[in-house]
């Protein structure tokens, strides 16, 4: 089944197909985990992006993978580790939290590498006509440009981490990512956001080349890009995201909680 998402207007997307919906959600979850691991977003923002009971409701509504459901519950458990620090004086909560996030990322990545998602890796796009033959659609709405920008940044970060883990198989997947996602996102951004524009420019420096070390060099560039993408979150001064799963997925801002840690 092809992965197709259409942009209905600047702030609306439609994802067709169960595997494709899971692919998108796993990438957002991976990006949120990576940003939180390096303390570039707070626990509240981490949870607001993906690891919330509202996501469980959506997974059940669309009858998505039990593994995806378990990953969301894993992320929700981070709060318990942080809370334990208040109850146990000698509890090394930071070490436990770091291990838990690493475990969460590995679960996301290993799931994304499963054969059922191979088509998504090769043909992934966020901005195309949806597959109308599919009975499964996830409608995504962004209440503001800021919510759109934040989710796109989280998605890019997750995808970058995933590409790094692909190792020698990264080149073709990265070419597809640039062609099907980055090019189209750059076209619709229209210079409205300096932060997002600069994030997109990071990928222009990644050289594929043809020599025997080109693949390794590309992975090193992607590692640098992931560091820069994490740093871009310090420049996002808008509120954290919340979402509703009623008739799709609606991202909106919470006025009292900043994305900054």
C-alpha atoms as a PDB file:
ATOM      1  CA  UNK A   1       0.000   0.000   0.000  1.00  0.00           C
ATOM      2  CA  UNK A   2       1.431   3.356  -0.935  1.00  0.00           C
ATOM      3  CA  UNK A   3       2.076   6.071   1.605  1.00  0.00           C
ATOM      4  CA  UNK A   4       0.194   9.176   0.551  1.00  0.00           C
ATOM      5  CA  UNK A   5      -0.527  12.390   2.405  1.00  0.00           C
ATOM      6  CA  UNK A   6      -2.221  15.389   0.863  1.00  0.00           C
ATOM      7  CA  UNK A   7      -2.011  18.956   2.029  1.00  0.00           C
ATOM      8  CA  UNK A   8      -5.614  20.180   1.991  1.00  0.00           C
ATOM      9  CA  UNK A   9      -4.531  23.638   2.990  1.00  0.00           C
ATOM     10  CA  UNK A  10      -1.491  24.913   4.840  1.00  0.00           C
ATOM     11  CA  UNK A  11      -2.530  23.261   8.071  1.00  0.00           C
ATOM     12  CA  UNK A  12      -4.207  19.984   7.065  1.00  0.00           C
ATOM     13  CA  UNK A  13      -2.831  16.571   6.085  1.00  0.00           C
ATOM     14  CA  UNK A  14      -4.417  13.210   5.360  1.00  0.00           C
ATOM     15  CA  UNK A  15      -2.530   9.922   5.812  1.00  0.00           C
ATOM     16  CA  UNK A  16      -3.859   6.835   4.028  1.00  0.00           C
ATOM     17  CA  UNK A  17      -3.238   3.253   5.133  1.00  0.00           C
ATOM     18  CA  UNK A  18      -2.623   1.632   8.506  1.00  0.00           C
ATOM     19  CA  UNK A  19       1.114   1.017   7.992  1.00  0.00           C
ATOM     20  CA  UNK A  20       1.568   4.584   6.859  1.00  0.00           C
ATOM     21  CA  UNK A  21      -0.231   5.996   9.891  1.00  0.00           C
ATOM     22  CA  UNK A  22       1.954   3.875  12.176  1.00  0.00           C
ATOM     23  CA  UNK A  23       5.075   4.961  10.268  1.00  0.00           C
ATOM     24  CA  UNK A  24       4.249   8.621  10.834  1.00  0.00           C
ATOM     25  CA  UNK A  25       3.450   8.144  14.528  1.00  0.00           C
ATOM     26  CA  UNK A  26       6.626   6.133  15.156  1.00  0.00           C
ATOM     27  CA  UNK A  27       8.752   8.873  13.567  1.00  0.00           C
ATOM     28  CA  UNK A  28       7.138  11.562  15.732  1.00  0.00           C
ATOM     29  CA  UNK A  29       7.627   9.378  18.804  1.00  0.00           C
ATOM     30  CA  UNK A  30      11.292   8.791  17.915  1.00  0.00           C
ATOM     31  CA  UNK A  31      11.925  12.500  17.350  1.00  0.00           C
ATOM     32  CA  UNK A  32      10.313  13.429  20.667  1.00  0.00           C
ATOM     33  CA  UNK A  33      12.428  10.844  22.506  1.00  0.00           C
ATOM     34  CA  UNK A  34      15.637  12.135  20.901  1.00  0.00           C
ATOM     35  CA  UNK A  35      14.867  15.759  21.805  1.00  0.00           C
ATOM     36  CA  UNK A  36      13.959  14.857  25.385  1.00  0.00           C
ATOM     37  CA  UNK A  37      17.031  12.655  25.879  1.00  0.00           C
ATOM     38  CA  UNK A  38      19.282  15.664  25.367  1.00  0.00           C
ATOM     39  CA  UNK A  39      17.059  17.918  27.512  1.00  0.00           C
ATOM     40  CA  UNK A  40      16.066  20.149  24.621  1.00  0.00           C
ATOM     41  CA  UNK A  41      12.403  19.781  25.556  1.00  0.00           C
ATOM     42  CA  UNK A  42      10.792  19.277  28.940  1.00  0.00           C
ATOM     43  CA  UNK A  43       9.015  16.145  30.151  1.00  0.00           C
ATOM     44  CA  UNK A  44       5.678  17.913  29.691  1.00  0.00           C
ATOM     45  CA  UNK A  45       6.453  18.758  26.067  1.00  0.00           C
ATOM     46  CA  UNK A  46       7.763  15.231  25.434  1.00  0.00           C
ATOM     47  CA  UNK A  47       4.477  13.803  26.663  1.00  0.00           C
ATOM     48  CA  UNK A  48       2.424  16.395  24.813  1.00  0.00           C
ATOM     49  CA  UNK A  49       3.991  15.484  21.468  1.00  0.00           C
ATOM     50  CA  UNK A  50       3.166  11.780  21.519  1.00  0.00           C
ATOM     51  CA  UNK A  51       3.150   9.979  24.863  1.00  0.00           C
ATOM     52  CA  UNK A  52      -0.330  10.691  26.150  1.00  0.00           C
ATOM     53  CA  UNK A  53      -3.576   8.793  26.762  1.00  0.00           C
ATOM     54  CA  UNK A  54      -5.067  10.632  23.777  1.00  0.00           C
ATOM     55  CA  UNK A  55      -2.623   8.721  21.572  1.00  0.00           C
ATOM     56  CA  UNK A  56      -3.798   5.426  23.065  1.00  0.00           C
ATOM     57  CA  UNK A  57      -7.359   6.424  22.178  1.00  0.00           C
ATOM     58  CA  UNK A  58      -6.293   7.112  18.595  1.00  0.00           C
ATOM     59  CA  UNK A  59      -4.390   3.801  18.328  1.00  0.00           C
ATOM     60  CA  UNK A  60      -7.415   1.886  19.565  1.00  0.00           C
ATOM     61  CA  UNK A  61      -9.773   3.826  17.295  1.00  0.00           C
ATOM     62  CA  UNK A  62      -7.723   2.988  14.195  1.00  0.00           C
ATOM     63  CA  UNK A  63      -6.861  -0.527  15.416  1.00  0.00           C
ATOM     64  CA  UNK A  64      -3.157   0.144  15.039  1.00  0.00           C
ATOM     65  CA  UNK A  65      -0.279  -2.081  16.129  1.00  0.00           C
ATOM     66  CA  UNK A  66      -0.107  -3.366  19.700  1.00  0.00           C
ATOM     67  CA  UNK A  67       3.630  -2.663  19.547  1.00  0.00           C
ATOM     68  CA  UNK A  68       2.919   1.014  18.857  1.00  0.00           C
ATOM     69  CA  UNK A  69       0.522   1.030  21.796  1.00  0.00           C
ATOM     70  CA  UNK A  70       3.206  -0.457  24.041  1.00  0.00           C
ATOM     71  CA  UNK A  71       5.750   2.150  22.883  1.00  0.00           C
ATOM     72  CA  UNK A  72       3.379   4.950  23.896  1.00  0.00           C
ATOM     73  CA  UNK A  73       2.902   3.364  27.324  1.00  0.00           C
ATOM     74  CA  UNK A  74       6.701   3.115  27.662  1.00  0.00           C
ATOM     75  CA  UNK A  75       7.010   6.838  27.016  1.00  0.00           C
ATOM     76  CA  UNK A  76       4.279   7.614  29.529  1.00  0.00           C
ATOM     77  CA  UNK A  77       6.342   5.735  32.122  1.00  0.00           C
ATOM     78  CA  UNK A  78       9.108   8.374  32.031  1.00  0.00           C
ATOM     79  CA  UNK A  79       7.086  10.476  34.451  1.00  0.00           C
ATOM     80  CA  UNK A  80       7.198   7.662  37.036  1.00  0.00           C
ATOM     81  CA  UNK A  81      11.006   7.631  36.906  1.00  0.00           C
ATOM     82  CA  UNK A  82      11.186  11.391  37.417  1.00  0.00           C
ATOM     83  CA  UNK A  83       8.649  11.257  40.254  1.00  0.00           C
ATOM     84  CA  UNK A  84      10.647   8.512  41.996  1.00  0.00           C
ATOM     85  CA  UNK A  85      13.450  11.002  42.590  1.00  0.00           C
ATOM     86  CA  UNK A  86      11.196  12.807  45.072  1.00  0.00           C
ATOM     87  CA  UNK A  87      10.540   9.630  47.061  1.00  0.00           C
ATOM     88  CA  UNK A  88      13.949   7.940  47.111  1.00  0.00           C
ATOM     89  CA  UNK A  89      16.910  10.083  48.046  1.00  0.00           C
ATOM     90  CA  UNK A  90      19.590   7.727  46.683  1.00  0.00           C
ATOM     91  CA  UNK A  91      17.706   6.825  43.504  1.00  0.00           C
ATOM     92  CA  UNK A  92      19.819   7.553  40.411  1.00  0.00           C
ATOM     93  CA  UNK A  93      16.838   8.661  38.372  1.00  0.00           C
ATOM     94  CA  UNK A  94      18.861  10.383  35.637  1.00  0.00           C
ATOM     95  CA  UNK A  95      20.686   7.168  34.778  1.00  0.00           C
ATOM     96  CA  UNK A  96      17.439   5.180  34.795  1.00  0.00           C
ATOM     97  CA  UNK A  97      15.749   7.823  32.680  1.00  0.00           C
ATOM     98  CA  UNK A  98      18.567   7.819  30.119  1.00  0.00           C
ATOM     99  CA  UNK A  99      18.415   4.024  29.834  1.00  0.00           C
ATOM    100  CA  UNK A 100      14.615   4.117  29.503  1.00  0.00           C
ATOM    101  CA  UNK A 101      14.781   6.663  26.682  1.00  0.00           C
ATOM    102  CA  UNK A 102      17.494   4.650  24.882  1.00  0.00           C
ATOM    103  CA  UNK A 103      15.289   1.571  25.178  1.00  0.00           C
ATOM    104  CA  UNK A 104      12.329   3.531  23.848  1.00  0.00           C
ATOM    105  CA  UNK A 105      14.314   4.780  20.839  1.00  0.00           C
ATOM    106  CA  UNK A 106      15.567   1.277  20.048  1.00  0.00           C
ATOM    107  CA  UNK A 107      11.998  -0.020  20.117  1.00  0.00           C
ATOM    108  CA  UNK A 108      10.883   2.723  17.695  1.00  0.00           C
ATOM    109  CA  UNK A 109      13.799   2.104  15.322  1.00  0.00           C
ATOM    110  CA  UNK A 110      13.522  -1.690  15.327  1.00  0.00           C
ATOM    111  CA  UNK A 111       9.806  -1.409  14.653  1.00  0.00           C
ATOM    112  CA  UNK A 112      10.425   0.983  11.745  1.00  0.00           C
ATOM    113  CA  UNK A 113      12.869  -1.504  10.223  1.00  0.00           C
ATOM    114  CA  UNK A 114      10.280  -4.282  10.006  1.00  0.00           C
ATOM    115  CA  UNK A 115       9.365  -5.494   6.484  1.00  0.00           C
ATOM    116  CA  UNK A 116       5.851  -4.041   6.696  1.00  0.00           C
ATOM    117  CA  UNK A 117       7.370  -0.534   6.571  1.00  0.00           C
ATOM    118  CA  UNK A 118       9.867  -1.058   3.744  1.00  0.00           C
ATOM    119  CA  UNK A 119       7.477   0.502   1.234  1.00  0.00           C
ATOM    120  CA  UNK A 120       7.069   3.529   3.503  1.00  0.00           C
ATOM    121  CA  UNK A 121      10.847   3.993   3.655  1.00  0.00           C
ATOM    122  CA  UNK A 122      11.170   4.011  -0.122  1.00  0.00           C
ATOM    123  CA  UNK A 123       8.032   5.945  -1.074  1.00  0.00           C
ATOM    124  CA  UNK A 124       7.365   8.136   1.945  1.00  0.00           C
ATOM    125  CA  UNK A 125       5.837  11.536   1.243  1.00  0.00           C
ATOM    126  CA  UNK A 126       3.799  13.948   3.315  1.00  0.00           C
ATOM    127  CA  UNK A 127       2.503  16.160   0.538  1.00  0.00           C
ATOM    128  CA  UNK A 128       0.737  14.192  -2.175  1.00  0.00           C
ATOM    129  CA  UNK A 129      -2.778  13.113  -3.135  1.00  0.00           C
ATOM    130  CA  UNK A 130      -4.076  10.550  -0.618  1.00  0.00           C
ATOM    131  CA  UNK A 131      -4.863   6.980  -1.571  1.00  0.00           C
ATOM    132  CA  UNK A 132      -8.655   7.115  -1.938  1.00  0.00           C
ATOM    133  CA  UNK A 133      -8.825   3.308  -2.319  1.00  0.00           C
ATOM    134  CA  UNK A 134      -7.827   2.920   1.307  1.00  0.00           C
ATOM    135  CA  UNK A 135     -10.571   2.796   3.912  1.00  0.00           C
ATOM    136  CA  UNK A 136      -8.160   3.957   6.607  1.00  0.00           C
ATOM    137  CA  UNK A 137      -7.440   7.674   6.736  1.00  0.00           C
ATOM    138  CA  UNK A 138      -5.910   9.750   9.502  1.00  0.00           C
ATOM    139  CA  UNK A 139      -6.859  13.404   9.180  1.00  0.00           C
ATOM    140  CA  UNK A 140      -4.289  15.737  10.734  1.00  0.00           C
ATOM    141  CA  UNK A 141      -5.026  19.397  11.409  1.00  0.00           C
ATOM    142  CA  UNK A 142      -2.671  22.086  12.705  1.00  0.00           C
ATOM    143  CA  UNK A 143      -4.434  24.944  14.457  1.00  0.00           C
ATOM    144  CA  UNK A 144      -1.488  27.292  13.835  1.00  0.00           C
ATOM    145  CA  UNK A 145       1.669  27.553  11.777  1.00  0.00           C
ATOM    146  CA  UNK A 146       3.641  27.114  14.998  1.00  0.00           C
ATOM    147  CA  UNK A 147       2.111  23.717  15.718  1.00  0.00           C
ATOM    148  CA  UNK A 148       2.791  22.697  12.101  1.00  0.00           C
ATOM    149  CA  UNK A 149       6.417  23.815  12.385  1.00  0.00           C
ATOM    150  CA  UNK A 150       7.033  22.028  15.668  1.00  0.00           C
ATOM    151  CA  UNK A 151       5.657  18.694  14.447  1.00  0.00           C
ATOM    152  CA  UNK A 152       7.607  18.950  11.183  1.00  0.00           C
ATOM    153  CA  UNK A 153      10.805  19.590  13.155  1.00  0.00           C
ATOM    154  CA  UNK A 154      10.146  16.637  15.466  1.00  0.00           C
ATOM    155  CA  UNK A 155       9.409  14.453  12.447  1.00  0.00           C
ATOM    156  CA  UNK A 156      12.661  15.522  10.717  1.00  0.00           C
ATOM    157  CA  UNK A 157      14.646  14.776  13.863  1.00  0.00           C
ATOM    158  CA  UNK A 158      13.110  11.321  14.182  1.00  0.00           C
ATOM    159  CA  UNK A 159      13.750  10.553  10.520  1.00  0.00           C
ATOM    160  CA  UNK A 160      17.377  11.713  10.797  1.00  0.00           C
ATOM    161  CA  UNK A 161      18.000   9.399  13.758  1.00  0.00           C
ATOM    162  CA  UNK A 162      16.401   6.566  11.794  1.00  0.00           C
ATOM    163  CA  UNK A 163      18.568   7.220   8.719  1.00  0.00           C
ATOM    164  CA  UNK A 164      21.713   7.112  10.858  1.00  0.00           C
ATOM    165  CA  UNK A 165      20.713   3.702  12.190  1.00  0.00           C
ATOM    166  CA  UNK A 166      20.159   2.357   8.659  1.00  0.00           C
ATOM    167  CA  UNK A 167      23.934   2.444   8.185  1.00  0.00           C
ATOM    168  CA  UNK A 168      25.013   1.148   4.773  1.00  0.00           C
ATOM    169  CA  UNK A 169      21.385   1.085   3.625  1.00  0.00           C
ATOM    170  CA  UNK A 170      20.961   4.784   4.316  1.00  0.00           C
ATOM    171  CA  UNK A 171      21.753   6.272   0.882  1.00  0.00           C
ATOM    172  CA  UNK A 172      18.625   5.251  -1.035  1.00  0.00           C
ATOM    173  CA  UNK A 173      16.361   6.012   1.931  1.00  0.00           C
ATOM    174  CA  UNK A 174      17.955   9.424   2.358  1.00  0.00           C
ATOM    175  CA  UNK A 175      17.487  10.232  -1.329  1.00  0.00           C
ATOM    176  CA  UNK A 176      13.798   9.323  -1.010  1.00  0.00           C
ATOM    177  CA  UNK A 177      13.481  11.444   2.133  1.00  0.00           C
ATOM    178  CA  UNK A 178      14.973  14.480   0.375  1.00  0.00           C
ATOM    179  CA  UNK A 179      12.893  13.989  -2.757  1.00  0.00           C
ATOM    180  CA  UNK A 180       9.534  13.174  -1.180  1.00  0.00           C
ATOM    181  CA  UNK A 181       9.635  15.224   2.003  1.00  0.00           C
ATOM    182  CA  UNK A 182      12.305  17.923   2.260  1.00  0.00           C
ATOM    183  CA  UNK A 183      11.756  19.332  -1.237  1.00  0.00           C
ATOM    184  CA  UNK A 184       8.019  19.649  -0.754  1.00  0.00           C
ATOM    185  CA  UNK A 185       8.280  21.045   2.760  1.00  0.00           C
ATOM    186  CA  UNK A 186      10.710  23.682   1.527  1.00  0.00           C
ATOM    187  CA  UNK A 187       8.265  24.609  -1.254  1.00  0.00           C
ATOM    188  CA  UNK A 188       5.345  25.208   1.105  1.00  0.00           C
ATOM    189  CA  UNK A 189       7.367  26.874   3.869  1.00  0.00           C
ATOM    190  CA  UNK A 190       7.776  30.044   1.743  1.00  0.00           C
ATOM    191  CA  UNK A 191      10.189  31.621   4.187  1.00  0.00           C
ATOM    192  CA  UNK A 192       7.545  31.992   6.902  1.00  0.00           C
ATOM    193  CA  UNK A 193       9.844  30.508   9.538  1.00  0.00           C
ATOM    194  CA  UNK A 194      13.546  31.259   9.809  1.00  0.00           C
ATOM    195  CA  UNK A 195      14.071  28.343  12.198  1.00  0.00           C
ATOM    196  CA  UNK A 196      12.429  25.794   9.903  1.00  0.00           C
ATOM    197  CA  UNK A 197      14.163  27.215   6.806  1.00  0.00           C
ATOM    198  CA  UNK A 198      17.565  26.920   8.468  1.00  0.00           C
ATOM    199  CA  UNK A 199      16.752  23.377   9.588  1.00  0.00           C
ATOM    200  CA  UNK A 200      15.971  22.411   6.002  1.00  0.00           C
ATOM    201  CA  UNK A 201      19.236  23.939   4.792  1.00  0.00           C
ATOM    202  CA  UNK A 202      21.188  21.606   7.062  1.00  0.00           C
ATOM    203  CA  UNK A 203      20.447  18.700   4.751  1.00  0.00           C
ATOM    204  CA  UNK A 204      21.922  20.502   1.722  1.00  0.00           C
ATOM    205  CA  UNK A 205      25.412  19.978   3.128  1.00  0.00           C
ATOM    206  CA  UNK A 206      25.030  16.202   3.243  1.00  0.00           C
ATOM    207  CA  UNK A 207      27.153  14.834   0.390  1.00  0.00           C
ATOM    208  CA  UNK A 208      26.308  11.445  -1.102  1.00  0.00           C
ATOM    209  CA  UNK A 209      29.377  11.216  -3.347  1.00  0.00           C
ATOM    210  CA  UNK A 210      30.522   8.072  -5.142  1.00  0.00           C
ATOM    211  CA  UNK A 211      33.717   7.052  -3.343  1.00  0.00           C
ATOM    212  CA  UNK A 212      33.993   4.066  -1.026  1.00  0.00           C
ATOM    213  CA  UNK A 213      33.702   6.231   2.109  1.00  0.00           C
ATOM    214  CA  UNK A 214      30.724   8.276   0.923  1.00  0.00           C
ATOM    215  CA  UNK A 215      28.227   6.250   2.953  1.00  0.00           C
ATOM    216  CA  UNK A 216      30.216   6.666   6.157  1.00  0.00           C
ATOM    217  CA  UNK A 217      30.681  10.374   5.457  1.00  0.00           C
ATOM    218  CA  UNK A 218      26.931  10.738   4.949  1.00  0.00           C
ATOM    219  CA  UNK A 219      26.250   9.116   8.313  1.00  0.00           C
ATOM    220  CA  UNK A 220      28.650  11.544   9.994  1.00  0.00           C
ATOM    221  CA  UNK A 221      26.872  14.475   8.344  1.00  0.00           C
ATOM    222  CA  UNK A 222      23.523  13.124   9.526  1.00  0.00           C
ATOM    223  CA  UNK A 223      24.856  12.907  13.078  1.00  0.00           C
ATOM    224  CA  UNK A 224      25.867  16.557  12.879  1.00  0.00           C
ATOM    225  CA  UNK A 225      22.420  17.432  11.484  1.00  0.00           C
ATOM    226  CA  UNK A 226      20.701  15.642  14.373  1.00  0.00           C
ATOM    227  CA  UNK A 227      22.736  17.740  16.831  1.00  0.00           C
ATOM    228  CA  UNK A 228      21.828  20.946  14.993  1.00  0.00           C
ATOM    229  CA  UNK A 229      18.141  19.981  14.823  1.00  0.00           C
ATOM    230  CA  UNK A 230      18.064  19.410  18.566  1.00  0.00           C
ATOM    231  CA  UNK A 231      19.639  22.816  19.050  1.00  0.00           C
ATOM    232  CA  UNK A 232      16.919  24.443  16.958  1.00  0.00           C
ATOM    233  CA  UNK A 233      14.368  23.599  19.646  1.00  0.00           C
ATOM    234  CA  UNK A 234      15.985  26.175  21.924  1.00  0.00           C
ATOM    235  CA  UNK A 235      14.884  28.798  19.406  1.00  0.00           C
ATOM    236  CA  UNK A 236      11.258  27.697  19.334  1.00  0.00           C
ATOM    237  CA  UNK A 237       9.531  29.932  21.856  1.00  0.00           C
ATOM    238  CA  UNK A 238       5.970  28.803  21.199  1.00  0.00           C
ATOM    239  CA  UNK A 239       3.878  26.638  23.496  1.00  0.00           C
ATOM    240  CA  UNK A 240       3.964  22.866  23.634  1.00  0.00           C
ATOM    241  CA  UNK A 241       1.540  20.778  21.612  1.00  0.00           C
ATOM    242  CA  UNK A 242      -1.620  19.063  22.657  1.00  0.00           C
ATOM    243  CA  UNK A 243      -3.763  16.960  20.388  1.00  0.00           C
ATOM    244  CA  UNK A 244      -7.239  15.571  20.132  1.00  0.00           C
ATOM    245  CA  UNK A 245      -8.029  12.291  18.419  1.00  0.00           C
ATOM    246  CA  UNK A 246     -11.664  13.077  17.664  1.00  0.00           C
ATOM    247  CA  UNK A 247     -12.232  12.502  13.928  1.00  0.00           C
ATOM    248  CA  UNK A 248      -8.483  12.518  13.347  1.00  0.00           C
ATOM    249  CA  UNK A 249      -5.511  14.203  14.966  1.00  0.00           C
ATOM    250  CA  UNK A 250      -5.633  17.902  15.828  1.00  0.00           C
ATOM    251  CA  UNK A 251      -2.466  19.604  17.074  1.00  0.00           C
ATOM    252  CA  UNK A 252      -2.901  22.822  19.016  1.00  0.00           C
ATOM    253  CA  UNK A 253      -0.874  24.932  21.410  1.00  0.00           C
ATOM    254  CA  UNK A 254      -1.035  25.029  25.187  1.00  0.00           C
ATOM    255  CA  UNK A 255      -0.644  28.642  26.289  1.00  0.00           C
ATOM    256  CA  UNK A 256       0.977  28.054  29.682  1.00  0.00           C
ATOM    257  CA  UNK A 257       3.695  25.507  28.880  1.00  0.00           C
ATOM    258  CA  UNK A 258       6.737  26.450  26.856  1.00  0.00           C
ATOM    259  CA  UNK A 259       8.693  24.026  24.697  1.00  0.00           C
ATOM    260  CA  UNK A 260      11.882  25.120  26.425  1.00  0.00           C
ATOM    261  CA  UNK A 261      13.124  22.794  29.157  1.00  0.00           C
END
